[in-house]
Amino acid sequence: LFPNVDTPGPGGATIPMQAVPTSVVQGPDGAYYVGQLTGFPFPVGGAKVFRVDPDTGDRTDYAIGFTNVIDLDFGRDGTLYVLEIDRDSLLRESHDGGLWKVPPGGGTPERIELPAGTLTEPGGLAVGWKGRLFVSNHAREAGAGEVLEIDLDD
């Protein structure tokens, strides 16, 4: 169970924002890492990645500062890659996604800079061999889906 977070909403009201877990991946340490989309009002920077101990169920914040996490995957070196379906809130007109990396063992997330318009409502992420990421793109547009190959060595 992930906690609701009291969040400022429209008109100064406080809203119990739901966690909305969207993805889970087992880390190199055997723990489960769970990405959070967040619920309404989808605050910028309000989403996080939780680390869940599979034996005790204890939950800690592993990485913070995301907006709308949709998928996660680990690289062979222990880097966690975080994909956002929308990097500036689902309530805004922009549909640009975001891609981040978190260093092995945790720490400050670093945005992976891509040319403007590259990620449009992405939906899934997989780490491949030789420093490549595969991202499903245009996940909310019927007939427009595609898979992007992103070479991190460039």
N, C-alpha and C. Protein backbone atom coordinates (compact mmCIF):
# COMPACT_ATOMS: atom_id res chain seq x y z
N LEU A 1 0.85 -1.17 0.00
CA LEU A 1 0.00 0.00 0.00
C LEU A 1 0.90 1.23 0.00
N PHE A 2 0.63 2.16 -0.90
CA PHE A 2 1.41 3.38 -0.99
C PHE A 2 0.54 4.54 -0.50
N PRO A 3 1.14 5.45 0.25
CA PRO A 3 0.34 6.48 0.92
C PRO A 3 -0.16 7.57 -0.02
N ASN A 4 -1.36 8.08 0.28
CA ASN A 4 -1.81 9.32 -0.33
C ASN A 4 -0.98 10.45 0.26
N VAL A 5 -0.81 11.53 -0.50
CA VAL A 5 -0.04 12.67 -0.04
C VAL A 5 -0.92 13.90 -0.15
N ASP A 6 -1.12 14.60 0.96
CA ASP A 6 -1.89 15.84 0.91
C ASP A 6 -1.16 16.85 0.04
N THR A 7 -1.86 17.33 -0.99
CA THR A 7 -1.26 18.18 -2.02
C THR A 7 -2.15 19.38 -2.27
N PRO A 8 -1.55 20.58 -2.43
CA PRO A 8 -2.36 21.75 -2.77
C PRO A 8 -3.06 21.54 -4.11
N GLY A 9 -4.34 21.86 -4.15
CA GLY A 9 -5.13 21.72 -5.37
C GLY A 9 -5.72 23.04 -5.80
N PRO A 10 -6.61 22.99 -6.78
CA PRO A 10 -7.25 24.21 -7.28
C PRO A 10 -8.00 24.95 -6.17
N GLY A 11 -7.94 26.26 -6.20
CA GLY A 11 -8.68 27.08 -5.25
C GLY A 11 -8.18 26.99 -3.82
N GLY A 12 -6.95 26.49 -3.63
CA GLY A 12 -6.39 26.40 -2.29
C GLY A 12 -6.81 25.19 -1.50
N ALA A 13 -7.62 24.31 -2.09
CA ALA A 13 -8.05 23.10 -1.40
C ALA A 13 -6.88 22.13 -1.27
N THR A 14 -6.92 21.29 -0.25
CA THR A 14 -5.94 20.23 -0.10
C THR A 14 -6.55 18.94 -0.62
N ILE A 15 -5.81 18.26 -1.48
CA ILE A 15 -6.30 17.04 -2.13
C ILE A 15 -5.43 15.87 -1.69
N PRO A 16 -6.02 14.75 -1.28
CA PRO A 16 -5.22 13.57 -0.95
C PRO A 16 -4.79 12.87 -2.25
N MET A 17 -3.66 13.31 -2.81
CA MET A 17 -3.17 12.77 -4.08
C MET A 17 -2.81 11.29 -3.91
N GLN A 18 -3.34 10.45 -4.79
CA GLN A 18 -3.04 9.03 -4.75
C GLN A 18 -1.66 8.75 -5.34
N ALA A 19 -1.04 7.67 -4.90
CA ALA A 19 0.29 7.31 -5.38
C ALA A 19 0.27 6.82 -6.83
N VAL A 20 -0.69 6.03 -7.22
CA VAL A 20 -0.85 5.44 -8.56
C VAL A 20 0.45 4.77 -9.04
N PRO A 21 0.79 3.61 -8.47
CA PRO A 21 1.95 2.87 -8.96
C PRO A 21 1.71 2.39 -10.38
N THR A 22 2.70 2.58 -11.25
CA THR A 22 2.54 2.24 -12.67
C THR A 22 3.52 1.19 -13.17
N SER A 23 4.58 0.96 -12.45
CA SER A 23 5.61 0.06 -12.96
C SER A 23 6.38 -0.55 -11.79
N VAL A 24 6.91 -1.73 -12.03
CA VAL A 24 7.73 -2.38 -11.01
C VAL A 24 8.83 -3.16 -11.71
N VAL A 25 10.02 -3.11 -11.14
CA VAL A 25 11.15 -3.87 -11.67
C VAL A 25 11.98 -4.35 -10.48
N GLN A 26 12.53 -5.55 -10.62
CA GLN A 26 13.39 -6.05 -9.55
C GLN A 26 14.79 -5.52 -9.79
N GLY A 27 15.37 -4.94 -8.75
CA GLY A 27 16.70 -4.36 -8.86
C GLY A 27 17.80 -5.39 -8.69
N PRO A 28 19.03 -4.96 -8.94
CA PRO A 28 20.17 -5.87 -8.80
C PRO A 28 20.36 -6.37 -7.36
N ASP A 29 19.79 -5.65 -6.40
CA ASP A 29 19.87 -6.05 -4.99
C ASP A 29 18.72 -6.96 -4.56
N GLY A 30 17.83 -7.30 -5.50
CA GLY A 30 16.70 -8.18 -5.21
C GLY A 30 15.46 -7.45 -4.72
N ALA A 31 15.57 -6.15 -4.43
CA ALA A 31 14.41 -5.36 -4.00
C ALA A 31 13.55 -5.02 -5.21
N TYR A 32 12.31 -4.62 -4.92
CA TYR A 32 11.40 -4.18 -5.97
C TYR A 32 11.40 -2.65 -6.01
N TYR A 33 11.43 -2.11 -7.20
CA TYR A 33 11.40 -0.67 -7.40
C TYR A 33 10.10 -0.34 -8.12
N VAL A 34 9.34 0.58 -7.54
CA VAL A 34 8.00 0.87 -8.03
C VAL A 34 7.93 2.34 -8.44
N GLY A 35 7.54 2.59 -9.69
CA GLY A 35 7.38 3.95 -10.19
C GLY A 35 6.00 4.49 -9.87
N GLN A 36 5.92 5.79 -9.66
CA GLN A 36 4.67 6.45 -9.26
C GLN A 36 4.27 7.47 -10.32
N LEU A 37 3.06 7.32 -10.83
CA LEU A 37 2.51 8.30 -11.77
C LEU A 37 2.04 9.54 -11.01
N THR A 38 1.45 9.36 -9.87
CA THR A 38 0.70 10.29 -9.02
C THR A 38 -0.71 10.44 -9.57
N GLY A 39 -1.58 10.83 -8.68
CA GLY A 39 -2.96 11.14 -9.06
C GLY A 39 -3.14 12.64 -9.19
N PHE A 40 -4.39 13.02 -9.43
CA PHE A 40 -4.73 14.43 -9.54
C PHE A 40 -4.28 15.15 -8.27
N PRO A 41 -3.63 16.28 -8.38
CA PRO A 41 -3.49 17.23 -9.48
C PRO A 41 -2.19 17.09 -10.28
N PHE A 42 -1.53 15.93 -10.22
CA PHE A 42 -0.33 15.64 -11.00
C PHE A 42 0.75 16.72 -10.85
N PRO A 43 1.22 16.98 -9.63
CA PRO A 43 2.17 18.08 -9.43
C PRO A 43 3.53 17.81 -10.06
N VAL A 44 4.10 18.83 -10.66
CA VAL A 44 5.44 18.73 -11.23
C VAL A 44 6.42 18.41 -10.10
N GLY A 45 7.22 17.38 -10.29
CA GLY A 45 8.19 16.97 -9.28
C GLY A 45 7.61 16.17 -8.13
N GLY A 46 6.32 15.82 -8.19
CA GLY A 46 5.67 15.14 -7.08
C GLY A 46 5.75 13.62 -7.10
N ALA A 47 6.29 13.04 -8.17
CA ALA A 47 6.37 11.58 -8.27
C ALA A 47 7.74 11.09 -7.81
N LYS A 48 7.76 9.81 -7.45
CA LYS A 48 9.02 9.23 -6.97
C LYS A 48 9.09 7.77 -7.37
N VAL A 49 10.24 7.18 -7.08
CA VAL A 49 10.43 5.74 -7.21
C VAL A 49 10.65 5.20 -5.80
N PHE A 50 9.82 4.22 -5.43
CA PHE A 50 9.93 3.58 -4.13
C PHE A 50 10.81 2.34 -4.24
N ARG A 51 11.54 2.03 -3.18
CA ARG A 51 12.25 0.76 -3.05
C ARG A 51 11.49 -0.06 -2.01
N VAL A 52 11.10 -1.29 -2.38
CA VAL A 52 10.32 -2.15 -1.48
C VAL A 52 11.13 -3.41 -1.18
N ASP A 53 11.35 -3.65 0.09
CA ASP A 53 12.05 -4.86 0.53
C ASP A 53 11.10 -6.05 0.34
N PRO A 54 11.49 -7.05 -0.45
CA PRO A 54 10.57 -8.17 -0.72
C PRO A 54 10.31 -9.06 0.49
N ASP A 55 11.16 -9.02 1.50
CA ASP A 55 10.98 -9.86 2.68
C ASP A 55 10.08 -9.20 3.73
N THR A 56 10.24 -7.90 3.91
CA THR A 56 9.51 -7.21 4.97
C THR A 56 8.36 -6.34 4.46
N GLY A 57 8.42 -5.97 3.18
CA GLY A 57 7.43 -5.04 2.63
C GLY A 57 7.72 -3.59 2.98
N ASP A 58 8.82 -3.35 3.69
CA ASP A 58 9.18 -1.97 4.04
C ASP A 58 9.46 -1.17 2.78
N ARG A 59 9.00 0.07 2.79
CA ARG A 59 9.09 0.94 1.62
C ARG A 59 9.92 2.17 1.98
N THR A 60 10.84 2.55 1.08
CA THR A 60 11.60 3.79 1.23
C THR A 60 11.59 4.52 -0.10
N ASP A 61 11.84 5.82 -0.05
CA ASP A 61 11.98 6.60 -1.28
C ASP A 61 13.37 6.35 -1.84
N TYR A 62 13.44 5.89 -3.09
CA TYR A 62 14.72 5.62 -3.74
C TYR A 62 15.18 6.82 -4.57
N ALA A 63 14.25 7.43 -5.30
CA ALA A 63 14.57 8.59 -6.12
C ALA A 63 13.32 9.48 -6.18
N ILE A 64 13.53 10.79 -6.13
CA ILE A 64 12.41 11.74 -6.10
C ILE A 64 12.59 12.80 -7.18
N GLY A 65 11.51 13.58 -7.37
CA GLY A 65 11.59 14.73 -8.26
C GLY A 65 11.04 14.50 -9.66
N PHE A 66 10.36 13.40 -9.87
CA PHE A 66 9.76 13.11 -11.18
C PHE A 66 8.34 13.69 -11.21
N THR A 67 7.69 13.62 -12.38
CA THR A 67 6.35 14.16 -12.49
C THR A 67 5.31 13.07 -12.77
N ASN A 68 5.46 12.29 -13.81
CA ASN A 68 4.49 11.25 -14.15
C ASN A 68 5.22 10.00 -14.64
N VAL A 69 5.74 9.19 -13.70
CA VAL A 69 6.50 7.99 -14.05
C VAL A 69 5.57 6.95 -14.66
N ILE A 70 6.00 6.39 -15.78
CA ILE A 70 5.21 5.37 -16.46
C ILE A 70 5.93 4.02 -16.54
N ASP A 71 7.30 4.02 -16.53
CA ASP A 71 8.02 2.76 -16.59
C ASP A 71 9.43 2.93 -16.05
N LEU A 72 10.04 1.78 -15.70
CA LEU A 72 11.39 1.71 -15.11
C LEU A 72 12.12 0.50 -15.69
N ASP A 73 13.45 0.59 -15.71
CA ASP A 73 14.27 -0.59 -15.98
C ASP A 73 15.69 -0.30 -15.51
N PHE A 74 16.39 -1.36 -15.13
CA PHE A 74 17.78 -1.25 -14.70
C PHE A 74 18.72 -1.63 -15.82
N GLY A 75 19.84 -0.90 -15.91
CA GLY A 75 20.92 -1.27 -16.80
C GLY A 75 21.81 -2.31 -16.12
N ARG A 76 22.68 -2.91 -16.88
CA ARG A 76 23.57 -3.95 -16.35
C ARG A 76 24.49 -3.43 -15.27
N ASP A 77 24.79 -2.11 -15.29
CA ASP A 77 25.68 -1.53 -14.30
C ASP A 77 24.96 -1.07 -13.04
N GLY A 78 23.63 -1.28 -12.97
CA GLY A 78 22.86 -0.87 -11.80
C GLY A 78 22.21 0.49 -11.92
N THR A 79 22.41 1.17 -13.06
CA THR A 79 21.73 2.45 -13.28
C THR A 79 20.24 2.18 -13.47
N LEU A 80 19.41 2.98 -12.79
CA LEU A 80 17.96 2.87 -12.97
C LEU A 80 17.53 3.92 -13.98
N TYR A 81 16.81 3.49 -15.02
CA TYR A 81 16.26 4.40 -16.02
C TYR A 81 14.79 4.60 -15.72
N VAL A 82 14.35 5.85 -15.75
CA VAL A 82 12.98 6.22 -15.39
C VAL A 82 12.36 6.94 -16.58
N LEU A 83 11.21 6.46 -17.02
CA LEU A 83 10.48 7.06 -18.14
C LEU A 83 9.22 7.75 -17.63
N GLU A 84 9.01 8.98 -18.06
CA GLU A 84 7.80 9.72 -17.72
C GLU A 84 6.91 9.85 -18.95
N ILE A 85 5.62 9.57 -18.80
CA ILE A 85 4.68 9.75 -19.91
C ILE A 85 4.51 11.23 -20.22
N ASP A 86 4.67 12.06 -19.21
CA ASP A 86 4.59 13.52 -19.39
C ASP A 86 5.49 14.15 -18.34
N ARG A 87 6.41 15.00 -18.76
CA ARG A 87 7.38 15.52 -17.80
C ARG A 87 6.95 16.82 -17.14
N ASP A 88 5.84 17.42 -17.59
CA ASP A 88 5.42 18.68 -16.96
C ASP A 88 3.95 18.65 -16.54
N SER A 89 3.41 17.49 -16.25
CA SER A 89 2.08 17.25 -15.71
C SER A 89 1.08 16.89 -16.81
N LEU A 90 0.28 15.91 -16.51
CA LEU A 90 -0.76 15.46 -17.43
C LEU A 90 -1.83 16.52 -17.66
N LEU A 91 -1.88 17.54 -16.82
CA LEU A 91 -2.89 18.58 -16.97
C LEU A 91 -2.49 19.69 -17.93
N ARG A 92 -1.26 19.68 -18.39
CA ARG A 92 -0.80 20.72 -19.31
C ARG A 92 -0.93 20.22 -20.74
N GLU A 93 -0.90 21.15 -21.68
CA GLU A 93 -1.11 20.78 -23.09
C GLU A 93 0.09 20.10 -23.72
N SER A 94 1.26 20.27 -23.18
CA SER A 94 2.45 19.61 -23.70
C SER A 94 2.31 18.10 -23.51
N HIS A 95 2.81 17.33 -24.44
CA HIS A 95 2.77 15.88 -24.34
C HIS A 95 4.18 15.28 -24.37
N ASP A 96 5.17 16.11 -24.02
CA ASP A 96 6.56 15.66 -24.03
C ASP A 96 6.84 14.76 -22.83
N GLY A 97 7.39 13.59 -23.10
CA GLY A 97 7.80 12.69 -22.04
C GLY A 97 9.18 13.07 -21.53
N GLY A 98 9.60 12.35 -20.52
CA GLY A 98 10.92 12.58 -19.94
C GLY A 98 11.64 11.27 -19.71
N LEU A 99 12.95 11.32 -19.77
CA LEU A 99 13.78 10.14 -19.55
C LEU A 99 14.90 10.54 -18.59
N TRP A 100 15.08 9.74 -17.56
CA TRP A 100 16.04 10.04 -16.49
C TRP A 100 16.90 8.82 -16.20
N LYS A 101 18.05 9.08 -15.59
CA LYS A 101 18.85 7.98 -15.05
C LYS A 101 19.23 8.31 -13.61
N VAL A 102 19.19 7.26 -12.79
CA VAL A 102 19.54 7.36 -11.38
C VAL A 102 20.78 6.50 -11.19
N PRO A 103 21.84 7.05 -10.59
CA PRO A 103 23.08 6.28 -10.46
C PRO A 103 22.90 5.01 -9.63
N PRO A 104 23.74 4.00 -9.87
CA PRO A 104 23.66 2.77 -9.09
C PRO A 104 23.69 3.08 -7.59
N GLY A 105 22.77 2.47 -6.85
CA GLY A 105 22.70 2.69 -5.42
C GLY A 105 21.87 3.88 -5.01
N GLY A 106 21.39 4.67 -5.97
CA GLY A 106 20.57 5.84 -5.67
C GLY A 106 21.34 7.13 -5.85
N GLY A 107 20.67 8.21 -5.59
CA GLY A 107 21.29 9.53 -5.75
C GLY A 107 20.40 10.45 -6.55
N THR A 108 20.97 11.54 -6.99
CA THR A 108 20.22 12.56 -7.71
C THR A 108 19.95 12.11 -9.14
N PRO A 109 18.67 12.10 -9.56
CA PRO A 109 18.36 11.75 -10.95
C PRO A 109 18.93 12.77 -11.92
N GLU A 110 19.34 12.30 -13.08
CA GLU A 110 19.87 13.17 -14.14
C GLU A 110 19.01 12.98 -15.39
N ARG A 111 18.49 14.09 -15.92
CA ARG A 111 17.68 13.99 -17.12
C ARG A 111 18.56 13.63 -18.31
N ILE A 112 18.09 12.71 -19.13
CA ILE A 112 18.75 12.37 -20.39
C ILE A 112 18.17 13.31 -21.43
N GLU A 113 19.00 14.21 -21.92
CA GLU A 113 18.53 15.22 -22.88
C GLU A 113 18.38 14.61 -24.26
N LEU A 114 17.21 14.81 -24.84
CA LEU A 114 16.90 14.35 -26.19
C LEU A 114 16.38 15.54 -26.98
N PRO A 115 16.48 15.51 -28.30
CA PRO A 115 15.94 16.62 -29.09
C PRO A 115 14.45 16.84 -28.81
N ALA A 116 14.03 18.09 -28.82
CA ALA A 116 12.63 18.44 -28.57
C ALA A 116 11.71 17.62 -29.47
N GLY A 117 10.62 17.13 -28.90
CA GLY A 117 9.64 16.36 -29.67
C GLY A 117 9.99 14.89 -29.86
N THR A 118 11.10 14.42 -29.30
CA THR A 118 11.49 13.02 -29.47
C THR A 118 10.52 12.09 -28.74
N LEU A 119 10.25 12.39 -27.48
CA LEU A 119 9.35 11.56 -26.68
C LEU A 119 7.98 12.22 -26.60
N THR A 120 6.99 11.55 -27.18
CA THR A 120 5.62 12.06 -27.15
C THR A 120 4.74 11.00 -26.49
N GLU A 121 4.34 11.27 -25.24
CA GLU A 121 3.55 10.32 -24.46
C GLU A 121 4.08 8.89 -24.57
N PRO A 122 5.34 8.69 -24.17
CA PRO A 122 5.90 7.34 -24.22
C PRO A 122 5.23 6.44 -23.20
N GLY A 123 5.28 5.12 -23.44
CA GLY A 123 4.56 4.21 -22.57
C GLY A 123 5.39 3.11 -21.95
N GLY A 124 6.51 2.74 -22.55
CA GLY A 124 7.29 1.63 -22.02
C GLY A 124 8.77 1.80 -22.30
N LEU A 125 9.58 1.12 -21.49
CA LEU A 125 11.04 1.26 -21.55
C LEU A 125 11.68 -0.10 -21.34
N ALA A 126 12.70 -0.40 -22.11
CA ALA A 126 13.51 -1.60 -21.91
C ALA A 126 14.96 -1.23 -22.17
N VAL A 127 15.85 -1.72 -21.31
CA VAL A 127 17.28 -1.51 -21.49
C VAL A 127 17.81 -2.68 -22.29
N GLY A 128 18.48 -2.37 -23.39
CA GLY A 128 19.07 -3.39 -24.24
C GLY A 128 20.57 -3.48 -24.03
N TRP A 129 21.20 -4.20 -24.90
CA TRP A 129 22.66 -4.38 -24.85
C TRP A 129 23.36 -3.14 -25.38
N LYS A 130 24.59 -3.00 -25.02
CA LYS A 130 25.49 -2.01 -25.59
C LYS A 130 25.01 -0.57 -25.43
N GLY A 131 24.45 -0.25 -24.27
CA GLY A 131 24.10 1.14 -24.00
C GLY A 131 22.91 1.67 -24.77
N ARG A 132 21.97 0.81 -25.10
CA ARG A 132 20.78 1.25 -25.84
C ARG A 132 19.52 1.10 -25.00
N LEU A 133 18.61 2.05 -25.18
CA LEU A 133 17.30 1.98 -24.56
C LEU A 133 16.26 1.86 -25.67
N PHE A 134 15.20 1.13 -25.39
CA PHE A 134 14.10 1.00 -26.32
C PHE A 134 12.87 1.56 -25.64
N VAL A 135 12.21 2.50 -26.30
CA VAL A 135 11.08 3.21 -25.71
C VAL A 135 9.90 3.15 -26.67
N SER A 136 8.74 2.71 -26.16
CA SER A 136 7.53 2.81 -26.98
C SER A 136 7.04 4.25 -26.90
N ASN A 137 6.69 4.80 -28.04
CA ASN A 137 6.36 6.22 -28.16
C ASN A 137 4.95 6.37 -28.72
N HIS A 138 4.30 7.49 -28.45
CA HIS A 138 2.93 7.77 -28.89
C HIS A 138 1.97 6.72 -28.33
N ALA A 139 2.14 6.39 -27.05
CA ALA A 139 1.37 5.31 -26.44
C ALA A 139 -0.13 5.58 -26.36
N ARG A 140 -0.53 6.84 -26.42
CA ARG A 140 -1.96 7.17 -26.30
C ARG A 140 -2.60 7.51 -27.64
N GLU A 141 -1.90 7.28 -28.75
CA GLU A 141 -2.43 7.64 -30.07
C GLU A 141 -2.61 6.38 -30.91
N ALA A 142 -3.83 6.02 -31.17
CA ALA A 142 -4.11 4.84 -31.99
C ALA A 142 -3.48 4.98 -33.37
N GLY A 143 -2.75 3.96 -33.78
CA GLY A 143 -2.15 3.92 -35.10
C GLY A 143 -0.87 4.71 -35.25
N ALA A 144 -0.41 5.40 -34.21
CA ALA A 144 0.78 6.24 -34.32
C ALA A 144 1.96 5.68 -33.53
N GLY A 145 1.79 4.54 -32.87
CA GLY A 145 2.84 4.00 -32.02
C GLY A 145 4.11 3.66 -32.77
N GLU A 146 5.21 3.75 -32.05
CA GLU A 146 6.51 3.41 -32.62
C GLU A 146 7.43 3.01 -31.47
N VAL A 147 8.51 2.32 -31.82
CA VAL A 147 9.54 2.00 -30.84
C VAL A 147 10.80 2.75 -31.23
N LEU A 148 11.30 3.54 -30.27
CA LEU A 148 12.53 4.30 -30.50
C LEU A 148 13.72 3.53 -29.93
N GLU A 149 14.83 3.56 -30.62
CA GLU A 149 16.07 3.04 -30.09
C GLU A 149 16.94 4.24 -29.75
N ILE A 150 17.32 4.36 -28.50
CA ILE A 150 18.10 5.50 -28.04
C ILE A 150 19.48 4.99 -27.63
N ASP A 151 20.49 5.44 -28.32
CA ASP A 151 21.87 5.03 -28.05
C ASP A 151 22.47 6.00 -27.05
N LEU A 152 22.75 5.55 -25.86
CA LEU A 152 23.27 6.42 -24.81
C LEU A 152 24.75 6.73 -24.97
N ASP A 153 25.41 6.06 -25.88
CA ASP A 153 26.84 6.31 -26.11
C ASP A 153 27.07 7.48 -27.05
N ASP A 154 26.01 8.01 -27.66
CA ASP A 154 26.18 9.14 -28.59
C ASP A 154 26.41 10.42 -27.84
